[in-house]
Each structure stands twice: as C-alpha cells, then as structure tokens.
Amino acid sequence: MKLSKKVVLLGHFGVGKTSLFRRFIDNEFSEDYKVTLGVQIKKKVVEMPDGRELSMIIWDTEGHTDIEDTRKSYLLGSNAFIYVFDLTRIDTYKNLSEDLDYLTKNHPKVIIKVIGNKLDLVNEKETLKNLEELNVKADCLTSAKTNKNVQDFFSELATEITA
C-alpha cells in the first residue's frame, strides 16, 4: 500500500530550503543560488521500515521574512511543515517562536519541525550554546552542502507522519 504525504518547506530567503530539497530528493548540491519564485514541487518515494512505501510530496516555497506572507494555498492539506533557518544569520530565527505560534494556531494538526541549516559554516558546539542562550529549539541541525543529517532527518519525519 502506497501512502502519500505533503511536506512544506518554510523559512526566510536564502536559508537553504531549495538546497535541502535538492539534497534529499536528487542527492545533489549546487553553489549556484537561485531564488525560488512561488513554489517548486517534487516527489520522493521512501521505503518505510515496515515495507510500506511513502510518497513524500515536498513543496519548496519561496522565502518570506513574515510567515503570514506565505500563500495560504501552499499550506492547505499539509501533513508536515519544515521551518528552516540559517545558522549563520540570526535574523532568520529571531522571530522563530512567533512564526511557530502562527503555524500551530492556524494548522493545529500539522507536524512542525525546525531545522537549522548550513552547519558546515559554523562551529557546532558554539552554535548549540548560542541557540540555547536565545531559547531557539531546533529539531535538527543540517548541512545541505555536506549532506550532514539531511537523509536521517527526512527518514525520521517519514516515520513520524505515517505513525
């Protein structure tokens, strides 16, 4: 039996949503930065530990500094939101709790995960300390460039959205 689940990538411009998207789906990374306009949608079939197949329909949305500017139609019917921030730019996560509150209030049944991306550009130990001091809770720290934690994160998410 094949399951299908919609997952939407959210966050500011330039945080690496498209890079995570491409790394997970096509196992590719490019240094060429191109702004996503609107939304890009791709599917990846993931084999679950119990033998079922899950079609993860991933929506890579354009970046916004205010989550409320995201088109409502992109969010409808979602099973999970992945809010991505850039570990090197505090402005991409200083309003994180407000953005998460907005998503939780307006989409109470949707799983929300938070990723700090661009781990390859920071000192991990120092970054964890800084995030803790700022009371920022990330579910995972990733590097789309090096593929660190990307595949594991999506595998865990697949298990959670099919539970």
C-alpha atoms as a PDB file:
ATOM      1  CA  MET A   1       0.000   0.000   0.000  1.00  0.00           C
ATOM      2  CA  LYS A   2       1.446   3.364  -1.022  1.00  0.00           C
ATOM      3  CA  LEU A   3       0.869   6.343   1.235  1.00  0.00           C
ATOM      4  CA  SER A   4       1.168   9.968   0.149  1.00  0.00           C
ATOM      5  CA  LYS A   5       2.006  12.893   2.459  1.00  0.00           C
ATOM      6  CA  LYS A   6       2.512  16.595   1.772  1.00  0.00           C
ATOM      7  CA  VAL A   7       5.518  18.316   3.377  1.00  0.00           C
ATOM      8  CA  VAL A   8       6.103  22.071   3.025  1.00  0.00           C
ATOM      9  CA  LEU A   9       9.468  23.800   3.466  1.00  0.00           C
ATOM     10  CA  LEU A  10       9.149  27.266   5.025  1.00  0.00           C
ATOM     11  CA  GLY A  11      11.531  29.998   6.143  1.00  0.00           C
ATOM     12  CA  HIS A  12      13.318  33.172   5.109  1.00  0.00           C
ATOM     13  CA  PHE A  13      15.066  33.817   1.803  1.00  0.00           C
ATOM     14  CA  GLY A  14      18.459  32.147   1.429  1.00  0.00           C
ATOM     15  CA  VAL A  15      18.277  29.728   4.374  1.00  0.00           C
ATOM     16  CA  GLY A  16      18.829  26.669   2.183  1.00  0.00           C
ATOM     17  CA  LYS A  17      15.299  25.327   1.651  1.00  0.00           C
ATOM     18  CA  THR A  18      15.972  24.567  -2.013  1.00  0.00           C
ATOM     19  CA  SER A  19      19.362  23.057  -1.198  1.00  0.00           C
ATOM     20  CA  LEU A  20      17.766  20.724   1.372  1.00  0.00           C
ATOM     21  CA  PHE A  21      15.013  19.922  -1.134  1.00  0.00           C
ATOM     22  CA  ARG A  22      17.528  19.038  -3.867  1.00  0.00           C
ATOM     23  CA  ARG A  23      19.830  17.159  -1.480  1.00  0.00           C
ATOM     24  CA  PHE A  24      17.012  14.962  -0.189  1.00  0.00           C
ATOM     25  CA  ILE A  25      15.236  14.333  -3.482  1.00  0.00           C
ATOM     26  CA  ASP A  26      18.086  14.203  -6.012  1.00  0.00           C
ATOM     27  CA  ASN A  27      21.132  13.884  -3.705  1.00  0.00           C
ATOM     28  CA  GLU A  28      22.594  16.993  -5.374  1.00  0.00           C
ATOM     29  CA  PHE A  29      24.037  20.270  -4.151  1.00  0.00           C
ATOM     30  CA  SER A  30      24.917  23.385  -6.117  1.00  0.00           C
ATOM     31  CA  GLU A  31      26.721  26.546  -5.052  1.00  0.00           C
ATOM     32  CA  ASP A  32      24.641  28.470  -7.616  1.00  0.00           C
ATOM     33  CA  TYR A  33      21.975  30.342  -5.693  1.00  0.00           C
ATOM     34  CA  LYS A  34      18.681  30.860  -7.455  1.00  0.00           C
ATOM     35  CA  VAL A  35      15.714  32.382  -5.671  1.00  0.00           C
ATOM     36  CA  THR A  36      12.606  30.205  -5.632  1.00  0.00           C
ATOM     37  CA  LEU A  37       9.625  32.065  -7.047  1.00  0.00           C
ATOM     38  CA  GLY A  38       6.297  30.685  -5.934  1.00  0.00           C
ATOM     39  CA  VAL A  39       6.670  27.003  -5.194  1.00  0.00           C
ATOM     40  CA  GLN A  40       8.537  24.023  -6.595  1.00  0.00           C
ATOM     41  CA  ILE A  41       7.035  20.574  -6.008  1.00  0.00           C
ATOM     42  CA  LYS A  42       8.727  17.191  -6.271  1.00  0.00           C
ATOM     43  CA  LYS A  43       8.037  13.693  -5.027  1.00  0.00           C
ATOM     44  CA  LYS A  44      10.326  11.151  -3.428  1.00  0.00           C
ATOM     45  CA  VAL A  45       9.249   7.606  -2.645  1.00  0.00           C
ATOM     46  CA  VAL A  46      10.638   6.412   0.668  1.00  0.00           C
ATOM     47  CA  GLU A  47      10.587   2.778   1.744  1.00  0.00           C
ATOM     48  CA  MET A  48       9.431   2.542   5.339  1.00  0.00           C
ATOM     49  CA  PRO A  49      10.919   0.064   7.847  1.00  0.00           C
ATOM     50  CA  ASP A  50       7.658  -1.931   7.779  1.00  0.00           C
ATOM     51  CA  GLY A  51       7.878  -2.350   3.981  1.00  0.00           C
ATOM     52  CA  ARG A  52       5.267   0.252   3.051  1.00  0.00           C
ATOM     53  CA  GLU A  53       6.122   2.925   0.518  1.00  0.00           C
ATOM     54  CA  LEU A  54       5.583   6.594   1.269  1.00  0.00           C
ATOM     55  CA  SER A  55       5.364   9.218  -1.450  1.00  0.00           C
ATOM     56  CA  MET A  56       6.650  12.387   0.156  1.00  0.00           C
ATOM     57  CA  ILE A  57       5.342  15.324  -1.854  1.00  0.00           C
ATOM     58  CA  ILE A  58       7.760  18.116  -0.938  1.00  0.00           C
ATOM     59  CA  TRP A  59       6.776  21.744  -1.540  1.00  0.00           C
ATOM     60  CA  ASP A  60       9.753  24.109  -1.665  1.00  0.00           C
ATOM     61  CA  THR A  61       8.251  27.564  -1.113  1.00  0.00           C
ATOM     62  CA  GLU A  62       9.678  30.990  -1.773  1.00  0.00           C
ATOM     63  CA  GLY A  63      11.217  32.642   1.269  1.00  0.00           C
ATOM     64  CA  HIS A  64       9.416  35.218   3.376  1.00  0.00           C
ATOM     65  CA  THR A  65      10.539  37.255   6.353  1.00  0.00           C
ATOM     66  CA  ASP A  66       6.979  37.082   7.693  1.00  0.00           C
ATOM     67  CA  ILE A  67       5.332  33.639   7.778  1.00  0.00           C
ATOM     68  CA  GLU A  68       1.927  35.262   7.248  1.00  0.00           C
ATOM     69  CA  ASP A  69       3.069  36.325   3.753  1.00  0.00           C
ATOM     70  CA  THR A  70       3.219  32.665   2.671  1.00  0.00           C
ATOM     71  CA  ARG A  71       0.332  31.842   0.373  1.00  0.00           C
ATOM     72  CA  LYS A  72      -2.365  30.078   2.346  1.00  0.00           C
ATOM     73  CA  SER A  73      -2.948  27.670  -0.550  1.00  0.00           C
ATOM     74  CA  TYR A  74       0.616  26.328  -0.130  1.00  0.00           C
ATOM     75  CA  LEU A  75      -0.144  25.365   3.455  1.00  0.00           C
ATOM     76  CA  LEU A  76      -3.536  23.708   2.953  1.00  0.00           C
ATOM     77  CA  GLY A  77      -3.616  19.915   3.159  1.00  0.00           C
ATOM     78  CA  SER A  78      -0.126  19.658   4.648  1.00  0.00           C
ATOM     79  CA  ASN A  79       0.949  16.786   6.847  1.00  0.00           C
ATOM     80  CA  ALA A  80       4.177  18.464   7.961  1.00  0.00           C
ATOM     81  CA  PHE A  81       5.901  21.835   7.884  1.00  0.00           C
ATOM     82  CA  ILE A  82       9.675  22.093   7.974  1.00  0.00           C
ATOM     83  CA  TYR A  83      10.703  25.539   9.132  1.00  0.00           C
ATOM     84  CA  VAL A  84      14.292  26.131   8.015  1.00  0.00           C
ATOM     85  CA  PHE A  85      16.602  28.809   9.393  1.00  0.00           C
ATOM     86  CA  ASP A  86      20.208  29.725   8.596  1.00  0.00           C
ATOM     87  CA  LEU A  87      22.606  29.063  11.469  1.00  0.00           C
ATOM     88  CA  THR A  88      24.829  31.921  10.239  1.00  0.00           C
ATOM     89  CA  ARG A  89      22.053  34.578  10.198  1.00  0.00           C
ATOM     90  CA  ILE A  90      20.260  35.391  13.447  1.00  0.00           C
ATOM     91  CA  ASP A  91      17.632  37.408  11.559  1.00  0.00           C
ATOM     92  CA  THR A  92      16.327  34.121  10.108  1.00  0.00           C
ATOM     93  CA  TYR A  93      15.413  32.768  13.538  1.00  0.00           C
ATOM     94  CA  LYS A  94      14.946  35.719  15.870  1.00  0.00           C
ATOM     95  CA  ASN A  95      11.150  35.588  15.301  1.00  0.00           C
ATOM     96  CA  LEU A  96      11.029  31.794  15.265  1.00  0.00           C
ATOM     97  CA  SER A  97       8.660  31.388  18.222  1.00  0.00           C
ATOM     98  CA  GLU A  98       6.131  33.840  16.714  1.00  0.00           C
ATOM     99  CA  ASP A  99       6.253  32.038  13.357  1.00  0.00           C
ATOM    100  CA  LEU A 100       5.792  28.656  15.014  1.00  0.00           C
ATOM    101  CA  ASP A 101       2.914  30.012  17.117  1.00  0.00           C
ATOM    102  CA  TYR A 102       1.225  31.230  13.927  1.00  0.00           C
ATOM    103  CA  LEU A 103       1.605  27.827  12.253  1.00  0.00           C
ATOM    104  CA  THR A 104       0.421  25.943  15.340  1.00  0.00           C
ATOM    105  CA  LYS A 105      -2.610  28.200  15.776  1.00  0.00           C
ATOM    106  CA  ASN A 106      -3.674  28.058  12.131  1.00  0.00           C
ATOM    107  CA  HIS A 107      -2.714  24.428  11.399  1.00  0.00           C
ATOM    108  CA  PRO A 108      -3.047  22.573  14.731  1.00  0.00           C
ATOM    109  CA  LYS A 109      -2.975  19.062  13.243  1.00  0.00           C
ATOM    110  CA  VAL A 110       0.166  19.555  11.140  1.00  0.00           C
ATOM    111  CA  ILE A 111       3.535  18.261  12.395  1.00  0.00           C
ATOM    112  CA  ILE A 112       6.056  21.110  12.631  1.00  0.00           C
ATOM    113  CA  LYS A 113       9.808  20.521  12.550  1.00  0.00           C
ATOM    114  CA  VAL A 114      12.557  23.110  12.806  1.00  0.00           C
ATOM    115  CA  ILE A 115      15.895  22.767  11.014  1.00  0.00           C
ATOM    116  CA  GLY A 116      18.976  24.918  11.497  1.00  0.00           C
ATOM    117  CA  ASN A 117      20.818  24.647   8.171  1.00  0.00           C
ATOM    118  CA  LYS A 118      24.368  25.460   6.998  1.00  0.00           C
ATOM    119  CA  LEU A 119      26.054  23.533   9.796  1.00  0.00           C
ATOM    120  CA  ASP A 120      29.174  23.312   7.616  1.00  0.00           C
ATOM    121  CA  LEU A 121      29.696  27.078   8.083  1.00  0.00           C
ATOM    122  CA  VAL A 122      29.663  27.201  11.890  1.00  0.00           C
ATOM    123  CA  ASN A 123      31.260  25.636  14.945  1.00  0.00           C
ATOM    124  CA  GLU A 124      28.601  23.145  16.090  1.00  0.00           C
ATOM    125  CA  LYS A 125      29.374  23.303  19.816  1.00  0.00           C
ATOM    126  CA  GLU A 126      29.410  27.109  19.856  1.00  0.00           C
ATOM    127  CA  THR A 127      26.244  27.284  17.756  1.00  0.00           C
ATOM    128  CA  LEU A 128      24.346  24.948  20.091  1.00  0.00           C
ATOM    129  CA  LYS A 129      25.350  27.157  23.015  1.00  0.00           C
ATOM    130  CA  ASN A 130      24.182  30.294  21.199  1.00  0.00           C
ATOM    131  CA  LEU A 131      20.847  28.710  20.228  1.00  0.00           C
ATOM    132  CA  GLU A 132      20.295  27.613  23.821  1.00  0.00           C
ATOM    133  CA  GLU A 133      21.023  31.133  25.091  1.00  0.00           C
ATOM    134  CA  LEU A 134      18.497  32.532  22.611  1.00  0.00           C
ATOM    135  CA  ASN A 135      15.982  29.813  23.577  1.00  0.00           C
ATOM    136  CA  VAL A 136      15.872  28.505  19.987  1.00  0.00           C
ATOM    137  CA  LYS A 137      14.924  24.845  19.770  1.00  0.00           C
ATOM    138  CA  ALA A 138      15.825  23.085  16.546  1.00  0.00           C
ATOM    139  CA  ASP A 139      14.778  19.511  15.860  1.00  0.00           C
ATOM    140  CA  CYS A 140      17.860  19.025  13.725  1.00  0.00           C
ATOM    141  CA  LEU A 141      20.976  20.844  12.539  1.00  0.00           C
ATOM    142  CA  THR A 142      21.852  20.076   8.929  1.00  0.00           C
ATOM    143  CA  SER A 143      24.203  20.872   6.110  1.00  0.00           C
ATOM    144  CA  ALA A 144      22.678  20.504   2.673  1.00  0.00           C
ATOM    145  CA  LYS A 145      26.163  21.020   1.248  1.00  0.00           C
ATOM    146  CA  THR A 146      27.794  18.084   3.070  1.00  0.00           C
ATOM    147  CA  ASN A 147      24.547  16.080   3.455  1.00  0.00           C
ATOM    148  CA  LYS A 148      25.034  16.009   7.236  1.00  0.00           C
ATOM    149  CA  ASN A 149      21.836  14.850   8.972  1.00  0.00           C
ATOM    150  CA  VAL A 150      19.658  15.506   5.885  1.00  0.00           C
ATOM    151  CA  GLN A 151      18.733  11.923   4.992  1.00  0.00           C
ATOM    152  CA  ASP A 152      18.318  10.918   8.653  1.00  0.00           C
ATOM    153  CA  PHE A 153      16.047  13.888   9.316  1.00  0.00           C
ATOM    154  CA  PHE A 154      13.738  13.083   6.387  1.00  0.00           C
ATOM    155  CA  SER A 155      13.675   9.377   7.308  1.00  0.00           C
ATOM    156  CA  GLU A 156      12.613  10.236  10.841  1.00  0.00           C
ATOM    157  CA  LEU A 157       9.989  12.654   9.538  1.00  0.00           C
ATOM    158  CA  ALA A 158       8.631   9.970   7.182  1.00  0.00           C
ATOM    159  CA  THR A 159       8.215   7.612  10.146  1.00  0.00           C
ATOM    160  CA  GLU A 160       6.508  10.303  12.216  1.00  0.00           C
ATOM    161  CA  ILE A 161       3.992  11.384   9.545  1.00  0.00           C
ATOM    162  CA  THR A 162       2.947   7.796   8.856  1.00  0.00           C
ATOM    163  CA  ALA A 163       2.504   6.829  12.519  1.00  0.00           C
END
